């Protein structure tokens, strides 16, 4: 369960943080989500004979590819602001779904586990995502604009001014 929760948390934490700090999910986060879900989707295809993925899992793992398809056909001149909402929903749906699917794939006796244990990894992923969002929203409490500058990120509108946290 911990492995699956860690995998889902690695997928959700940075998009959730940037959503809190910048009110946006960045394209590189979406492409990382696409890469991970595609790898799990392809792994599920290889393991299909074992019934590793239910049809809903296949559908959830295909959603990031749908996002790419929508981004390709979206009008560039005026923008397609609804795509942003799809990115947020996609992150919030795919990361917990990915955790659940990783649990099914990596734990041979997954179906024998009690329901609370099966949902535990998904709950951990959701809580980690919520915490990352809140850390992004309240970044000014523990990070400065200089921290964002040093890391190569843009400074969010509500960062605090001061020295970087990790100054040597």
Protein backbone atom coordinates (compact mmCIF):
# COMPACT_ATOMS: atom_id res chain seq x y z
CA UNK A 1 0.00 0.00 0.00
CA UNK A 2 2.80 2.43 0.86
CA UNK A 3 4.42 1.95 -2.57
CA UNK A 4 1.20 2.78 -4.36
CA UNK A 5 0.54 5.77 -2.08
CA UNK A 6 4.07 7.04 -2.71
CA UNK A 7 3.60 6.69 -6.48
CA UNK A 8 0.31 8.57 -6.42
CA UNK A 9 1.74 11.22 -4.14
CA UNK A 10 4.71 11.79 -6.46
CA UNK A 11 2.21 12.42 -9.24
CA UNK A 12 -0.10 14.79 -7.35
CA UNK A 13 2.12 16.86 -5.05
CA UNK A 14 3.72 19.29 -7.52
CA UNK A 15 0.58 20.01 -9.58
CA UNK A 16 -1.34 20.55 -6.32
CA UNK A 17 1.38 22.89 -5.02
CA UNK A 18 1.45 24.93 -8.22
CA UNK A 19 -2.34 25.10 -8.22
CA UNK A 20 -2.13 26.60 -4.74
CA UNK A 21 0.81 28.91 -5.47
CA UNK A 22 0.01 30.02 -9.03
CA UNK A 23 -3.66 29.07 -9.51
CA UNK A 24 -2.48 26.94 -12.43
CA UNK A 25 -1.41 23.42 -13.29
CA UNK A 26 1.60 23.70 -15.59
CA UNK A 27 1.95 21.80 -18.85
CA UNK A 28 5.06 19.93 -17.69
CA UNK A 29 3.07 18.57 -14.74
CA UNK A 30 0.36 17.40 -17.11
CA UNK A 31 2.95 15.76 -19.37
CA UNK A 32 4.48 14.00 -16.35
CA UNK A 33 1.00 12.76 -15.41
CA UNK A 34 0.51 11.63 -19.00
CA UNK A 35 3.85 9.74 -18.96
CA UNK A 36 3.10 7.91 -15.71
CA UNK A 37 -0.47 7.01 -16.64
CA UNK A 38 0.61 5.86 -20.08
CA UNK A 39 3.31 3.65 -18.55
CA UNK A 40 0.75 2.09 -16.18
CA UNK A 41 -1.75 1.77 -19.05
CA UNK A 42 0.81 -0.04 -21.19
CA UNK A 43 1.83 -2.22 -18.23
CA UNK A 44 -1.83 -3.08 -17.73
CA UNK A 45 -2.07 -4.04 -21.40
CA UNK A 46 0.87 -6.42 -20.95
CA UNK A 47 -0.71 -7.91 -17.80
CA UNK A 48 -4.22 -7.96 -19.28
CA UNK A 49 -4.47 -11.72 -19.22
CA UNK A 50 -4.40 -11.52 -15.42
CA UNK A 51 -7.30 -9.04 -15.34
CA UNK A 52 -5.13 -6.38 -13.74
CA UNK A 53 -7.20 -3.39 -14.86
CA UNK A 54 -10.98 -2.97 -14.83
CA UNK A 55 -12.60 -0.98 -17.67
CA UNK A 56 -12.85 2.14 -15.46
CA UNK A 57 -9.11 1.96 -14.88
CA UNK A 58 -8.44 1.87 -18.61
CA UNK A 59 -10.67 4.90 -19.03
CA UNK A 60 -9.02 6.88 -16.20
CA UNK A 61 -5.56 6.13 -17.54
CA UNK A 62 -6.59 7.33 -20.99
CA UNK A 63 -7.76 10.74 -19.71
CA UNK A 64 -4.33 12.42 -19.94
CA UNK A 65 -4.15 11.39 -23.61
CA UNK A 66 -7.59 12.95 -24.07
CA UNK A 67 -6.15 16.15 -22.55
CA UNK A 68 -3.34 16.12 -25.13
CA UNK A 69 -5.87 15.58 -27.92
CA UNK A 70 -7.98 18.49 -26.66
CA UNK A 71 -4.88 20.69 -26.38
CA UNK A 72 -3.98 19.87 -29.99
CA UNK A 73 -7.39 20.80 -31.39
CA UNK A 74 -8.05 23.77 -29.04
CA UNK A 75 -8.07 27.17 -30.74
CA UNK A 76 -4.77 28.93 -30.14
CA UNK A 77 -5.73 32.49 -31.09
CA UNK A 78 -8.38 33.08 -28.44
CA UNK A 79 -7.21 30.39 -26.06
CA UNK A 80 -9.30 27.61 -24.62
CA UNK A 81 -9.68 28.54 -20.96
CA UNK A 82 -11.84 25.51 -20.18
CA UNK A 83 -8.81 23.30 -20.76
CA UNK A 84 -7.40 24.62 -17.46
CA UNK A 85 -10.40 23.23 -15.56
CA UNK A 86 -9.94 19.89 -17.30
CA UNK A 87 -6.28 19.89 -16.18
CA UNK A 88 -7.28 20.47 -12.56
CA UNK A 89 -9.95 17.75 -12.63
CA UNK A 90 -7.59 15.43 -14.44
CA UNK A 91 -4.95 15.85 -11.74
CA UNK A 92 -7.44 15.36 -8.93
CA UNK A 93 -9.00 12.27 -10.56
CA UNK A 94 -5.96 10.59 -12.12
CA UNK A 95 -3.57 10.66 -9.17
CA UNK A 96 -5.91 8.84 -6.75
CA UNK A 97 -7.03 6.48 -9.55
CA UNK A 98 -3.38 5.83 -10.35
CA UNK A 99 -2.73 4.99 -6.69
CA UNK A 100 -5.63 2.54 -6.69
CA UNK A 101 -4.46 0.93 -9.93
CA UNK A 102 -0.87 0.67 -8.71
CA UNK A 103 -2.19 -1.09 -5.61
CA UNK A 104 -4.08 -3.56 -7.81
CA UNK A 105 -1.02 -4.17 -9.99
CA UNK A 106 1.64 -4.43 -7.27
CA UNK A 107 -0.25 -6.31 -4.56
CA UNK A 108 -1.05 -9.84 -5.73
CA UNK A 109 -3.66 -10.36 -2.98
CA UNK A 110 -5.22 -6.92 -3.39
CA UNK A 111 -8.81 -8.20 -3.51
CA UNK A 112 -8.27 -10.11 -0.25
CA UNK A 113 -7.38 -6.91 1.64
CA UNK A 114 -10.10 -5.27 3.74
CA UNK A 115 -11.84 -2.32 2.07
CA UNK A 116 -10.31 0.21 4.48
CA UNK A 117 -6.81 -1.01 3.59
CA UNK A 118 -7.57 -0.83 -0.15
CA UNK A 119 -8.85 2.72 0.12
CA UNK A 120 -6.07 3.77 2.50
CA UNK A 121 -3.50 4.40 -0.24
CA UNK A 122 -5.99 6.50 -2.19
CA UNK A 123 -6.84 8.48 0.95
CA UNK A 124 -3.13 9.08 1.63
CA UNK A 125 -2.71 10.39 -1.93
CA UNK A 126 -5.70 12.72 -1.58
CA UNK A 127 -4.48 14.06 1.77
CA UNK A 128 -0.96 14.58 0.38
CA UNK A 129 -2.45 16.45 -2.58
CA UNK A 130 -4.55 18.64 -0.29
CA UNK A 131 -1.54 19.37 1.91
CA UNK A 132 0.58 20.24 -1.14
CA UNK A 133 -2.16 22.59 -2.36
CA UNK A 134 -2.26 24.31 1.04
CA UNK A 135 1.55 24.58 1.11
CA UNK A 136 1.38 26.24 -2.29
CA UNK A 137 -1.41 28.57 -1.18
CA UNK A 138 0.42 29.58 1.98
CA UNK A 139 3.98 29.42 0.59
CA UNK A 140 4.69 32.89 1.97
CA UNK A 141 4.76 31.39 5.47
CA UNK A 142 7.89 29.32 4.81
CA UNK A 143 9.34 30.33 1.42
CA UNK A 144 10.43 33.64 -0.03
CA UNK A 145 10.29 34.99 -3.57
CA UNK A 146 14.06 34.39 -3.65
CA UNK A 147 13.46 30.64 -3.10
CA UNK A 148 11.32 30.54 -6.23
CA UNK A 149 13.89 32.59 -8.16
CA UNK A 150 16.77 30.33 -7.07
CA UNK A 151 14.88 27.22 -8.15
CA UNK A 152 14.19 28.68 -11.59
CA UNK A 153 10.47 29.07 -10.97
CA UNK A 154 8.45 32.22 -11.45
CA UNK A 155 7.55 33.99 -8.25
CA UNK A 156 3.90 33.60 -7.28
CA UNK A 157 1.91 36.76 -6.66
CA UNK A 158 1.70 36.20 -2.91
CA UNK A 159 5.27 35.18 -2.03
CA UNK A 160 7.15 36.96 0.74
CA UNK A 161 10.27 38.99 0.16
CA UNK A 162 13.46 38.04 1.91
CA UNK A 163 16.47 35.75 1.74
CA UNK A 164 16.15 32.23 0.32
CA UNK A 165 15.53 29.47 2.83
CA UNK A 166 18.41 27.28 1.67
CA UNK A 167 21.09 29.97 1.43
CA UNK A 168 24.52 28.56 2.04
